[in-house]
N, C-alpha and C. Protein backbone atom coordinates (compact mmCIF):
# COMPACT_ATOMS: atom_id res chain seq x y z
N MET A 1 2.68 9.05 -1.97
CA MET A 1 1.68 8.18 -1.38
C MET A 1 1.33 7.03 -2.30
N PHE A 2 1.82 7.04 -3.52
CA PHE A 2 1.49 5.98 -4.46
C PHE A 2 2.09 4.67 -3.99
N GLY A 3 1.31 3.62 -3.95
CA GLY A 3 1.77 2.32 -3.49
C GLY A 3 1.63 2.12 -1.99
N SER A 4 1.00 3.08 -1.32
CA SER A 4 0.81 3.00 0.12
C SER A 4 -0.39 2.12 0.45
N ILE A 5 -0.47 1.74 1.70
CA ILE A 5 -1.62 0.98 2.18
C ILE A 5 -2.61 1.97 2.78
N TYR A 6 -3.82 1.98 2.25
CA TYR A 6 -4.88 2.87 2.72
C TYR A 6 -5.85 2.06 3.57
N MET A 7 -6.31 2.66 4.68
CA MET A 7 -7.18 1.96 5.61
C MET A 7 -8.36 2.83 5.99
N THR A 8 -9.46 2.18 6.28
CA THR A 8 -10.61 2.88 6.84
C THR A 8 -10.36 3.12 8.33
N THR A 9 -11.23 3.87 8.96
CA THR A 9 -11.10 4.13 10.39
C THR A 9 -11.17 2.82 11.18
N ALA A 10 -12.08 1.95 10.82
CA ALA A 10 -12.23 0.67 11.53
C ALA A 10 -10.98 -0.19 11.37
N GLU A 11 -10.41 -0.24 10.17
CA GLU A 11 -9.20 -1.04 9.94
C GLU A 11 -8.01 -0.47 10.71
N LEU A 12 -7.87 0.86 10.72
CA LEU A 12 -6.78 1.49 11.46
C LEU A 12 -6.93 1.22 12.96
N ALA A 13 -8.14 1.36 13.46
CA ALA A 13 -8.39 1.12 14.88
C ALA A 13 -8.04 -0.31 15.26
N GLU A 14 -8.40 -1.24 14.42
CA GLU A 14 -8.07 -2.65 14.69
C GLU A 14 -6.56 -2.86 14.70
N LYS A 15 -5.86 -2.25 13.75
CA LYS A 15 -4.41 -2.43 13.66
C LYS A 15 -3.71 -1.79 14.86
N LEU A 16 -4.21 -0.64 15.32
CA LEU A 16 -3.61 0.05 16.46
C LEU A 16 -4.11 -0.48 17.80
N ARG A 17 -5.15 -1.31 17.75
CA ARG A 17 -5.82 -1.85 18.94
C ARG A 17 -6.44 -0.74 19.79
N TYR A 18 -7.07 0.21 19.09
CA TYR A 18 -7.87 1.27 19.71
C TYR A 18 -9.30 1.10 19.25
N ASP A 19 -10.20 1.77 19.93
CA ASP A 19 -11.59 1.81 19.50
C ASP A 19 -11.70 2.79 18.34
N ALA A 20 -12.54 2.49 17.35
CA ALA A 20 -12.70 3.36 16.18
C ALA A 20 -13.17 4.75 16.60
N ARG A 21 -14.00 4.82 17.62
CA ARG A 21 -14.47 6.12 18.09
C ARG A 21 -13.33 6.96 18.65
N TYR A 22 -12.37 6.32 19.32
CA TYR A 22 -11.21 7.03 19.85
C TYR A 22 -10.36 7.60 18.69
N VAL A 23 -10.20 6.82 17.63
CA VAL A 23 -9.44 7.30 16.47
C VAL A 23 -10.13 8.53 15.88
N ARG A 24 -11.45 8.45 15.69
CA ARG A 24 -12.20 9.56 15.09
C ARG A 24 -12.21 10.80 15.98
N GLU A 25 -12.41 10.62 17.28
CA GLU A 25 -12.62 11.76 18.16
C GLU A 25 -11.35 12.31 18.80
N CYS A 26 -10.35 11.47 19.02
CA CYS A 26 -9.16 11.92 19.75
C CYS A 26 -7.91 12.04 18.87
N LEU A 27 -7.69 11.09 18.00
CA LEU A 27 -6.46 11.11 17.20
C LEU A 27 -6.58 11.97 15.94
N LYS A 28 -7.71 11.87 15.26
CA LYS A 28 -7.89 12.63 14.01
C LYS A 28 -7.90 14.12 14.33
N ASP A 29 -7.11 14.85 13.61
CA ASP A 29 -6.96 16.31 13.71
C ASP A 29 -6.18 16.78 14.93
N SER A 30 -5.78 15.89 15.84
CA SER A 30 -4.90 16.32 16.91
C SER A 30 -3.52 15.69 16.72
N VAL A 31 -3.50 14.40 16.44
CA VAL A 31 -2.24 13.69 16.21
C VAL A 31 -2.09 13.39 14.72
N LEU A 32 -3.18 12.99 14.09
CA LEU A 32 -3.15 12.65 12.67
C LEU A 32 -3.56 13.88 11.85
N VAL A 33 -2.74 14.22 10.86
CA VAL A 33 -2.92 15.43 10.08
C VAL A 33 -3.45 15.11 8.69
N GLU A 34 -4.49 15.85 8.29
CA GLU A 34 -5.05 15.64 6.95
C GLU A 34 -4.01 16.04 5.90
N GLY A 35 -3.86 15.21 4.89
CA GLY A 35 -2.87 15.45 3.85
C GLY A 35 -1.57 14.70 4.09
N ILE A 36 -1.33 14.30 5.34
CA ILE A 36 -0.14 13.52 5.68
C ILE A 36 -0.55 12.12 6.12
N HIS A 37 -1.40 12.05 7.13
CA HIS A 37 -1.81 10.77 7.69
C HIS A 37 -3.13 10.26 7.11
N TYR A 38 -3.94 11.14 6.61
CA TYR A 38 -5.22 10.72 6.01
C TYR A 38 -5.66 11.71 4.95
N PHE A 39 -6.57 11.26 4.12
CA PHE A 39 -7.13 12.12 3.08
C PHE A 39 -8.56 11.70 2.79
N ARG A 40 -9.25 12.56 2.09
CA ARG A 40 -10.63 12.30 1.69
C ARG A 40 -10.64 12.11 0.17
N PRO A 41 -10.74 10.86 -0.30
CA PRO A 41 -10.68 10.63 -1.74
C PRO A 41 -11.85 11.30 -2.46
N PHE A 42 -11.53 11.93 -3.56
CA PHE A 42 -12.50 12.60 -4.42
C PHE A 42 -13.25 13.70 -3.68
N GLY A 43 -12.66 14.25 -2.60
CA GLY A 43 -13.26 15.33 -1.85
C GLY A 43 -14.53 14.94 -1.11
N ARG A 44 -14.72 13.67 -0.92
CA ARG A 44 -15.93 13.17 -0.27
C ARG A 44 -15.77 13.11 1.24
N ARG A 45 -16.77 12.56 1.89
CA ARG A 45 -16.81 12.47 3.34
C ARG A 45 -15.95 11.34 3.90
N LYS A 46 -15.84 10.25 3.17
CA LYS A 46 -15.08 9.08 3.64
C LYS A 46 -13.61 9.45 3.83
N ILE A 47 -13.01 8.89 4.87
CA ILE A 47 -11.60 9.15 5.19
C ILE A 47 -10.81 7.87 5.01
N LEU A 48 -9.66 7.97 4.35
CA LEU A 48 -8.74 6.86 4.24
C LEU A 48 -7.42 7.28 4.88
N TYR A 49 -6.89 6.39 5.71
CA TYR A 49 -5.65 6.65 6.43
C TYR A 49 -4.48 6.02 5.69
N VAL A 50 -3.33 6.67 5.71
CA VAL A 50 -2.10 6.19 5.06
C VAL A 50 -1.25 5.52 6.14
N TRP A 51 -1.21 4.20 6.12
CA TRP A 51 -0.53 3.45 7.18
C TRP A 51 0.95 3.80 7.27
N GLU A 52 1.65 3.92 6.16
CA GLU A 52 3.10 4.17 6.19
C GLU A 52 3.41 5.48 6.92
N ALA A 53 2.64 6.52 6.68
CA ALA A 53 2.88 7.81 7.34
C ALA A 53 2.61 7.72 8.84
N ILE A 54 1.56 7.00 9.21
CA ILE A 54 1.23 6.85 10.63
C ILE A 54 2.29 6.03 11.34
N GLU A 55 2.71 4.93 10.72
CA GLU A 55 3.73 4.08 11.31
C GLU A 55 5.05 4.83 11.46
N LYS A 56 5.43 5.59 10.46
CA LYS A 56 6.67 6.36 10.49
C LYS A 56 6.67 7.33 11.68
N ASP A 57 5.56 8.05 11.87
CA ASP A 57 5.49 9.00 12.97
C ASP A 57 5.40 8.31 14.33
N MET A 58 4.76 7.14 14.39
CA MET A 58 4.68 6.40 15.65
C MET A 58 6.06 5.95 16.10
N LEU A 59 6.89 5.53 15.14
CA LEU A 59 8.21 4.99 15.47
C LEU A 59 9.29 6.04 15.57
N LYS A 60 8.95 7.28 15.21
CA LYS A 60 9.93 8.37 15.28
C LYS A 60 10.39 8.55 16.72
N GLY A 61 11.64 8.43 16.95
CA GLY A 61 12.20 8.60 18.28
C GLY A 61 12.01 7.40 19.20
N ALA A 62 11.60 6.28 18.66
CA ALA A 62 11.34 5.11 19.51
C ALA A 62 12.61 4.58 20.15
N GLY A 63 13.74 4.68 19.50
CA GLY A 63 14.98 4.15 20.05
C GLY A 63 15.77 5.18 20.83
N GLU A 64 15.27 6.40 20.91
CA GLU A 64 15.99 7.46 21.60
C GLU A 64 15.52 7.59 23.04
N ASN A 65 16.38 8.08 23.89
CA ASN A 65 16.05 8.42 25.26
C ASN A 65 15.38 7.29 26.03
N LEU A 66 15.96 6.11 25.96
CA LEU A 66 15.43 5.01 26.75
C LEU A 66 15.96 5.12 28.16
N PHE A 67 15.05 5.26 29.12
CA PHE A 67 15.45 5.36 30.51
C PHE A 67 14.32 4.85 31.40
N ILE A 68 14.69 4.55 32.65
CA ILE A 68 13.73 4.08 33.63
C ILE A 68 13.62 5.15 34.71
N PRO A 69 12.43 5.69 34.93
CA PRO A 69 12.28 6.72 35.97
C PRO A 69 12.46 6.10 37.37
N MET A 70 13.15 6.81 38.23
CA MET A 70 13.40 6.34 39.59
C MET A 70 12.49 7.09 40.57
N SER A 71 12.29 6.53 41.74
CA SER A 71 11.33 7.08 42.70
C SER A 71 11.70 8.48 43.20
N ARG A 72 12.95 8.83 43.26
CA ARG A 72 13.36 10.14 43.75
C ARG A 72 13.56 11.16 42.63
N GLY A 73 13.04 10.87 41.45
CA GLY A 73 13.10 11.83 40.36
C GLY A 73 14.26 11.63 39.40
N GLY A 74 15.20 10.77 39.71
CA GLY A 74 16.30 10.50 38.81
C GLY A 74 15.90 9.49 37.74
N VAL A 75 16.82 9.19 36.87
CA VAL A 75 16.55 8.19 35.83
C VAL A 75 17.73 7.23 35.74
N CYS A 76 17.42 6.02 35.31
CA CYS A 76 18.44 5.00 35.08
C CYS A 76 18.52 4.78 33.57
N HIS A 77 19.66 5.04 32.99
CA HIS A 77 19.86 4.82 31.56
C HIS A 77 20.29 3.38 31.36
N GLY A 78 19.33 2.50 31.21
CA GLY A 78 19.64 1.09 31.20
C GLY A 78 19.54 0.45 29.91
């Protein structure tokens, strides 16, 4: 994690274009994992997010399985 970009909840929310409350209540501890995506410096209450880890997981599988769903349940691999 050395040399990573650390962000507050508000900064992460702005970068992801989500509301900060959504990040705190929905993403933290369900999608974002403590020790990987965020940590509490000096064991305190404040949370800092690790942008590189979040970006890596967001883009994981982004180029795989690209298809367009069709109305009758099939898919178009376009």
